[in-house]
């Protein structure tokens, strides 16, 4: 079992969400590459390539961009009641990140963490 944070954005597109919040340069943190916002402000451990998935509305123009789509795409079967309970009308992205910590904050102006779950991935 691994801990994941499930979250959403109502303002950021796929690229902006990854580069600002998850893994800005897809490399180790250095003075030139500051930590991503989920690490800096939300308290996440560093998130590397393969430790997250982002589903953007722009990539699913023929699908309802909702909880059922997230359940179909995510590589785990556990339910995410926080994500299920919100309105999906204005979401631009849904995502999960593997993180062994608890969030120190749950939202800011661009991102909201809806759930922290212990999951078993379908590939394990």
N, C-alpha and C. Protein backbone atom coordinates (compact mmCIF):
# COMPACT_ATOMS: atom_id res chain seq x y z
N UNK A 1 0.85 -1.19 0.00
CA UNK A 1 0.00 0.00 0.00
C UNK A 1 0.90 1.24 0.00
N UNK A 2 0.45 2.21 -0.75
CA UNK A 2 1.17 3.49 -0.82
C UNK A 2 0.18 4.62 -0.58
N UNK A 3 0.70 5.69 -0.03
CA UNK A 3 -0.13 6.87 0.20
C UNK A 3 -0.09 7.75 -1.03
N UNK A 4 -1.26 8.23 -1.45
CA UNK A 4 -1.34 9.19 -2.54
C UNK A 4 -2.20 10.37 -2.10
N UNK A 5 -1.90 11.50 -2.69
CA UNK A 5 -2.75 12.67 -2.58
C UNK A 5 -3.52 12.77 -3.88
N UNK A 6 -4.80 12.93 -3.78
CA UNK A 6 -5.66 13.18 -4.95
C UNK A 6 -6.03 14.65 -4.90
N UNK A 7 -5.97 15.30 -6.05
CA UNK A 7 -6.26 16.72 -6.07
C UNK A 7 -6.82 17.20 -7.39
N UNK A 8 -7.17 18.47 -7.40
CA UNK A 8 -7.76 19.10 -8.58
C UNK A 8 -7.24 20.51 -8.74
N UNK A 9 -7.41 21.02 -9.95
CA UNK A 9 -7.20 22.44 -10.22
C UNK A 9 -8.38 22.96 -11.03
N UNK A 10 -8.75 24.17 -10.75
CA UNK A 10 -9.80 24.85 -11.51
C UNK A 10 -9.23 25.95 -12.40
N UNK A 11 -7.90 26.14 -12.31
CA UNK A 11 -7.28 27.26 -13.03
C UNK A 11 -6.11 26.86 -13.93
N UNK A 12 -5.41 25.79 -13.60
CA UNK A 12 -4.18 25.43 -14.32
C UNK A 12 -4.43 24.36 -15.37
N UNK A 13 -3.70 24.47 -16.49
CA UNK A 13 -3.75 23.41 -17.49
C UNK A 13 -2.71 22.34 -17.13
N UNK A 14 -2.65 21.31 -17.95
CA UNK A 14 -1.76 20.17 -17.71
C UNK A 14 -0.33 20.61 -17.46
N UNK A 15 0.23 21.36 -18.38
CA UNK A 15 1.63 21.78 -18.30
C UNK A 15 1.90 22.66 -17.09
N UNK A 16 1.04 23.64 -16.86
CA UNK A 16 1.24 24.55 -15.73
C UNK A 16 1.13 23.82 -14.39
N UNK A 17 0.20 22.89 -14.28
CA UNK A 17 0.06 22.14 -13.04
C UNK A 17 1.33 21.36 -12.74
N UNK A 18 1.87 20.67 -13.73
CA UNK A 18 3.08 19.88 -13.49
C UNK A 18 4.27 20.78 -13.18
N UNK A 19 4.51 21.79 -14.00
CA UNK A 19 5.73 22.58 -13.82
C UNK A 19 5.68 23.47 -12.59
N UNK A 20 4.51 23.91 -12.16
CA UNK A 20 4.44 24.78 -10.98
C UNK A 20 4.25 24.01 -9.68
N UNK A 21 3.53 22.90 -9.74
CA UNK A 21 3.13 22.24 -8.50
C UNK A 21 3.75 20.87 -8.26
N UNK A 22 4.14 20.17 -9.29
CA UNK A 22 4.55 18.78 -9.09
C UNK A 22 6.04 18.58 -9.30
N UNK A 23 6.55 18.87 -10.46
CA UNK A 23 7.96 18.62 -10.77
C UNK A 23 8.43 19.63 -11.81
N UNK A 24 8.84 20.83 -11.38
CA UNK A 24 9.06 21.94 -12.30
C UNK A 24 10.04 21.66 -13.43
N UNK A 25 11.08 20.96 -13.15
CA UNK A 25 12.11 20.74 -14.16
C UNK A 25 12.39 19.26 -14.38
N UNK A 26 11.59 18.39 -13.78
CA UNK A 26 11.79 16.95 -13.89
C UNK A 26 13.22 16.56 -13.54
N UNK A 27 13.77 17.21 -12.50
CA UNK A 27 15.13 16.92 -12.06
C UNK A 27 15.23 17.17 -10.56
N UNK A 28 16.40 16.96 -10.03
CA UNK A 28 16.63 17.17 -8.60
C UNK A 28 16.53 18.66 -8.27
N UNK A 29 16.13 18.94 -7.04
CA UNK A 29 16.05 20.33 -6.57
C UNK A 29 17.47 20.88 -6.44
N UNK A 30 17.67 22.07 -6.92
CA UNK A 30 18.95 22.77 -6.76
C UNK A 30 18.62 24.25 -6.62
N UNK A 31 19.65 25.06 -6.51
CA UNK A 31 19.40 26.50 -6.41
C UNK A 31 18.71 27.03 -7.66
N UNK A 32 19.02 26.45 -8.81
CA UNK A 32 18.41 26.90 -10.05
C UNK A 32 17.00 26.32 -10.22
N UNK A 33 16.75 25.17 -9.61
CA UNK A 33 15.46 24.49 -9.73
C UNK A 33 14.79 24.42 -8.36
N UNK A 34 14.01 25.42 -8.01
CA UNK A 34 13.38 25.42 -6.69
C UNK A 34 12.37 24.28 -6.58
N UNK A 35 12.05 23.87 -5.36
CA UNK A 35 11.06 22.80 -5.21
C UNK A 35 9.69 23.23 -5.73
N UNK A 36 8.94 22.24 -6.15
CA UNK A 36 7.58 22.49 -6.65
C UNK A 36 6.68 22.96 -5.51
N UNK A 37 5.58 23.57 -5.87
CA UNK A 37 4.67 24.15 -4.88
C UNK A 37 4.08 23.09 -3.94
N UNK A 38 3.81 21.88 -4.43
CA UNK A 38 3.30 20.85 -3.51
C UNK A 38 4.33 20.51 -2.45
N UNK A 39 5.61 20.61 -2.79
CA UNK A 39 6.67 20.37 -1.81
C UNK A 39 6.86 21.59 -0.92
N UNK A 40 6.97 22.75 -1.52
CA UNK A 40 7.26 23.97 -0.77
C UNK A 40 6.12 24.37 0.16
N UNK A 41 4.90 24.40 -0.32
CA UNK A 41 3.79 24.93 0.46
C UNK A 41 2.89 23.86 1.09
N UNK A 42 2.71 22.74 0.39
CA UNK A 42 1.78 21.72 0.87
C UNK A 42 2.46 20.66 1.74
N UNK A 43 3.80 20.64 1.76
CA UNK A 43 4.53 19.70 2.62
C UNK A 43 4.82 18.35 2.02
N UNK A 44 4.68 18.20 0.71
CA UNK A 44 4.95 16.91 0.06
C UNK A 44 6.44 16.64 0.02
N UNK A 45 6.78 15.35 0.02
CA UNK A 45 8.16 14.97 -0.26
C UNK A 45 8.40 15.26 -1.75
N UNK A 46 9.66 15.26 -2.17
CA UNK A 46 9.94 15.54 -3.58
C UNK A 46 9.25 14.49 -4.45
N UNK A 47 8.61 14.94 -5.50
CA UNK A 47 7.85 14.08 -6.40
C UNK A 47 8.65 13.91 -7.68
N UNK A 48 8.96 12.68 -8.00
CA UNK A 48 9.77 12.42 -9.17
C UNK A 48 8.95 11.92 -10.34
N UNK A 49 9.58 11.78 -11.49
CA UNK A 49 8.90 11.20 -12.65
C UNK A 49 8.35 9.82 -12.31
N UNK A 50 7.14 9.54 -12.73
CA UNK A 50 6.51 8.26 -12.44
C UNK A 50 5.76 8.22 -11.12
N UNK A 51 5.88 9.27 -10.32
CA UNK A 51 5.20 9.31 -9.02
C UNK A 51 3.89 10.09 -9.07
N UNK A 52 3.41 10.39 -10.27
CA UNK A 52 2.18 11.16 -10.39
C UNK A 52 1.53 10.90 -11.74
N UNK A 53 0.26 11.22 -11.81
CA UNK A 53 -0.47 11.28 -13.08
C UNK A 53 -1.39 12.49 -13.02
N UNK A 54 -1.49 13.18 -14.15
CA UNK A 54 -2.37 14.34 -14.28
C UNK A 54 -3.32 14.08 -15.44
N UNK A 55 -4.60 14.28 -15.18
CA UNK A 55 -5.63 14.12 -16.21
C UNK A 55 -6.23 15.51 -16.46
N UNK A 56 -6.06 16.01 -17.67
CA UNK A 56 -6.50 17.36 -18.01
C UNK A 56 -7.76 17.30 -18.87
N UNK A 57 -8.68 18.19 -18.60
CA UNK A 57 -9.93 18.26 -19.37
C UNK A 57 -9.64 18.37 -20.86
N UNK A 58 -8.63 19.12 -21.22
CA UNK A 58 -8.29 19.35 -22.64
C UNK A 58 -7.96 18.04 -23.37
N UNK A 59 -7.53 17.02 -22.62
CA UNK A 59 -7.16 15.74 -23.24
C UNK A 59 -8.33 14.77 -23.38
N UNK A 60 -9.48 15.13 -22.84
CA UNK A 60 -10.65 14.24 -22.87
C UNK A 60 -11.88 15.01 -23.36
N UNK A 61 -11.81 15.57 -24.57
CA UNK A 61 -12.90 16.43 -25.06
C UNK A 61 -14.21 15.69 -25.30
N UNK A 62 -14.16 14.38 -25.47
CA UNK A 62 -15.38 13.62 -25.74
C UNK A 62 -15.89 12.84 -24.53
N UNK A 63 -15.30 13.09 -23.37
CA UNK A 63 -15.69 12.40 -22.14
C UNK A 63 -16.24 13.40 -21.14
N UNK A 64 -17.09 12.92 -20.25
CA UNK A 64 -17.48 13.73 -19.09
C UNK A 64 -16.26 13.79 -18.19
N UNK A 65 -15.83 14.99 -17.86
CA UNK A 65 -14.65 15.17 -17.02
C UNK A 65 -15.11 15.14 -15.57
N UNK A 66 -15.18 13.94 -15.00
CA UNK A 66 -15.78 13.78 -13.69
C UNK A 66 -15.13 12.64 -12.92
N UNK A 67 -15.70 12.31 -11.77
CA UNK A 67 -15.16 11.28 -10.91
C UNK A 67 -15.09 9.92 -11.61
N UNK A 68 -16.09 9.60 -12.41
CA UNK A 68 -16.09 8.31 -13.12
C UNK A 68 -14.89 8.22 -14.06
N UNK A 69 -14.53 9.30 -14.71
CA UNK A 69 -13.35 9.30 -15.58
C UNK A 69 -12.08 9.08 -14.75
N UNK A 70 -11.98 9.77 -13.63
CA UNK A 70 -10.82 9.57 -12.75
C UNK A 70 -10.71 8.11 -12.33
N UNK A 71 -11.82 7.53 -11.92
CA UNK A 71 -11.82 6.12 -11.48
C UNK A 71 -11.39 5.20 -12.62
N UNK A 72 -11.80 5.52 -13.82
CA UNK A 72 -11.42 4.70 -14.98
C UNK A 72 -9.93 4.83 -15.31
N UNK A 73 -9.35 6.01 -15.14
CA UNK A 73 -7.97 6.26 -15.53
C UNK A 73 -6.94 5.94 -14.45
N UNK A 74 -7.28 6.16 -13.20
CA UNK A 74 -6.32 5.98 -12.11
C UNK A 74 -5.95 4.50 -11.95
N UNK A 75 -4.68 4.22 -11.69
CA UNK A 75 -4.23 2.83 -11.58
C UNK A 75 -4.44 2.22 -10.19
N UNK A 76 -5.51 2.62 -9.53
CA UNK A 76 -5.89 2.03 -8.25
C UNK A 76 -7.40 2.06 -8.15
N UNK A 77 -7.95 1.15 -7.38
CA UNK A 77 -9.39 1.02 -7.31
C UNK A 77 -10.04 1.68 -6.11
N UNK A 78 -9.27 2.18 -5.15
CA UNK A 78 -9.84 2.78 -3.96
C UNK A 78 -10.62 4.04 -4.32
N UNK A 79 -11.72 4.22 -3.63
CA UNK A 79 -12.54 5.40 -3.90
C UNK A 79 -11.90 6.64 -3.28
N UNK A 80 -12.22 7.78 -3.86
CA UNK A 80 -11.74 9.08 -3.39
C UNK A 80 -12.97 9.92 -3.06
N UNK A 81 -13.50 9.79 -1.84
CA UNK A 81 -14.77 10.45 -1.52
C UNK A 81 -14.74 11.97 -1.62
N UNK A 82 -13.59 12.58 -1.34
CA UNK A 82 -13.50 14.03 -1.48
C UNK A 82 -13.64 14.46 -2.93
N UNK A 83 -12.96 13.77 -3.83
CA UNK A 83 -13.08 14.07 -5.25
C UNK A 83 -14.48 13.77 -5.75
N UNK A 84 -15.05 12.69 -5.28
CA UNK A 84 -16.40 12.31 -5.69
C UNK A 84 -17.42 13.36 -5.26
N UNK A 85 -17.19 14.01 -4.13
CA UNK A 85 -18.17 14.93 -3.57
C UNK A 85 -18.13 16.36 -4.07
N UNK A 86 -17.16 16.71 -4.90
CA UNK A 86 -17.09 18.10 -5.37
C UNK A 86 -17.72 18.25 -6.75
N UNK A 87 -18.01 19.47 -7.12
CA UNK A 87 -18.50 19.76 -8.47
C UNK A 87 -17.32 19.67 -9.44
N UNK A 88 -17.54 19.00 -10.54
CA UNK A 88 -16.49 18.84 -11.55
C UNK A 88 -16.66 19.81 -12.72
N UNK A 89 -17.68 20.65 -12.67
CA UNK A 89 -18.01 21.53 -13.79
C UNK A 89 -16.86 22.44 -14.20
N UNK A 90 -16.13 22.99 -13.24
CA UNK A 90 -15.09 23.97 -13.56
C UNK A 90 -13.68 23.43 -13.44
N UNK A 91 -13.52 22.12 -13.27
CA UNK A 91 -12.18 21.56 -13.12
C UNK A 91 -11.43 21.59 -14.44
N UNK A 92 -10.16 21.94 -14.37
CA UNK A 92 -9.28 21.86 -15.54
C UNK A 92 -8.42 20.61 -15.49
N UNK A 93 -8.09 20.15 -14.28
CA UNK A 93 -7.24 18.96 -14.10
C UNK A 93 -7.64 18.20 -12.84
N UNK A 94 -7.46 16.90 -12.90
CA UNK A 94 -7.51 16.02 -11.73
C UNK A 94 -6.17 15.30 -11.71
N UNK A 95 -5.65 15.00 -10.52
CA UNK A 95 -4.33 14.37 -10.45
C UNK A 95 -4.18 13.54 -9.18
N UNK A 96 -3.15 12.71 -9.17
CA UNK A 96 -2.69 12.11 -7.93
C UNK A 96 -1.17 12.14 -7.92
N UNK A 97 -0.61 12.21 -6.73
CA UNK A 97 0.83 12.13 -6.52
C UNK A 97 1.10 11.15 -5.40
N UNK A 98 2.15 10.36 -5.54
CA UNK A 98 2.57 9.49 -4.45
C UNK A 98 3.31 10.35 -3.44
N UNK A 99 2.90 10.26 -2.19
CA UNK A 99 3.53 11.07 -1.15
C UNK A 99 3.30 10.40 0.20
N UNK A 100 4.36 10.19 0.95
CA UNK A 100 4.24 9.49 2.23
C UNK A 100 3.90 10.42 3.39
N UNK A 101 3.71 11.69 3.12
CA UNK A 101 3.40 12.67 4.17
C UNK A 101 1.93 13.08 4.13
N UNK A 102 1.53 13.81 5.16
CA UNK A 102 0.21 14.44 5.20
C UNK A 102 0.36 15.89 4.72
N UNK A 103 -0.62 16.41 4.01
CA UNK A 103 -0.52 17.82 3.59
C UNK A 103 -0.48 18.76 4.80
N UNK A 104 0.34 19.80 4.69
CA UNK A 104 0.34 20.83 5.73
C UNK A 104 -0.73 21.88 5.45
N UNK A 105 -1.09 22.03 4.18
CA UNK A 105 -2.27 22.81 3.78
C UNK A 105 -3.01 21.97 2.74
N UNK A 106 -4.29 22.24 2.56
CA UNK A 106 -5.11 21.44 1.65
C UNK A 106 -5.48 22.17 0.37
N UNK A 107 -5.28 23.49 0.33
CA UNK A 107 -5.61 24.21 -0.89
C UNK A 107 -4.91 25.56 -0.91
N UNK A 108 -4.81 26.07 -2.13
CA UNK A 108 -4.38 27.45 -2.35
C UNK A 108 -5.22 28.00 -3.49
N UNK A 109 -4.79 29.05 -4.13
CA UNK A 109 -5.59 29.68 -5.18
C UNK A 109 -5.73 28.81 -6.43
N UNK A 110 -4.85 27.81 -6.61
CA UNK A 110 -4.85 27.03 -7.85
C UNK A 110 -5.11 25.54 -7.69
N UNK A 111 -4.82 24.99 -6.53
CA UNK A 111 -4.88 23.54 -6.33
C UNK A 111 -5.60 23.22 -5.03
N UNK A 112 -6.36 22.14 -5.05
CA UNK A 112 -7.02 21.63 -3.84
C UNK A 112 -6.72 20.14 -3.72
N UNK A 113 -6.24 19.72 -2.55
CA UNK A 113 -6.09 18.30 -2.26
C UNK A 113 -7.44 17.83 -1.73
N UNK A 114 -8.04 16.86 -2.39
CA UNK A 114 -9.37 16.39 -2.00
C UNK A 114 -9.31 15.15 -1.12
N UNK A 115 -8.26 14.35 -1.27
CA UNK A 115 -8.17 13.08 -0.54
C UNK A 115 -6.71 12.71 -0.30
N UNK A 116 -6.46 12.05 0.82
CA UNK A 116 -5.21 11.35 1.07
C UNK A 116 -5.61 9.90 1.29
N UNK A 117 -5.09 9.02 0.44
CA UNK A 117 -5.54 7.63 0.44
C UNK A 117 -4.36 6.67 0.56
N UNK A 118 -4.61 5.52 1.13
CA UNK A 118 -3.68 4.39 1.10
C UNK A 118 -4.20 3.49 -0.02
N UNK A 119 -3.39 3.28 -1.05
CA UNK A 119 -3.85 2.56 -2.23
C UNK A 119 -2.91 1.41 -2.58
N UNK A 120 -3.47 0.46 -3.29
CA UNK A 120 -2.68 -0.59 -3.93
C UNK A 120 -2.80 -0.36 -5.43
N UNK A 121 -1.66 -0.17 -6.07
CA UNK A 121 -1.67 0.07 -7.50
C UNK A 121 -1.92 -1.23 -8.26
N UNK A 122 -2.54 -1.12 -9.41
CA UNK A 122 -2.90 -2.29 -10.19
C UNK A 122 -1.66 -3.01 -10.70
N UNK A 123 -0.52 -2.34 -10.77
CA UNK A 123 0.69 -2.99 -11.26
C UNK A 123 1.46 -3.69 -10.16
N UNK A 124 1.07 -3.52 -8.87
CA UNK A 124 1.79 -4.15 -7.76
C UNK A 124 1.25 -5.54 -7.49
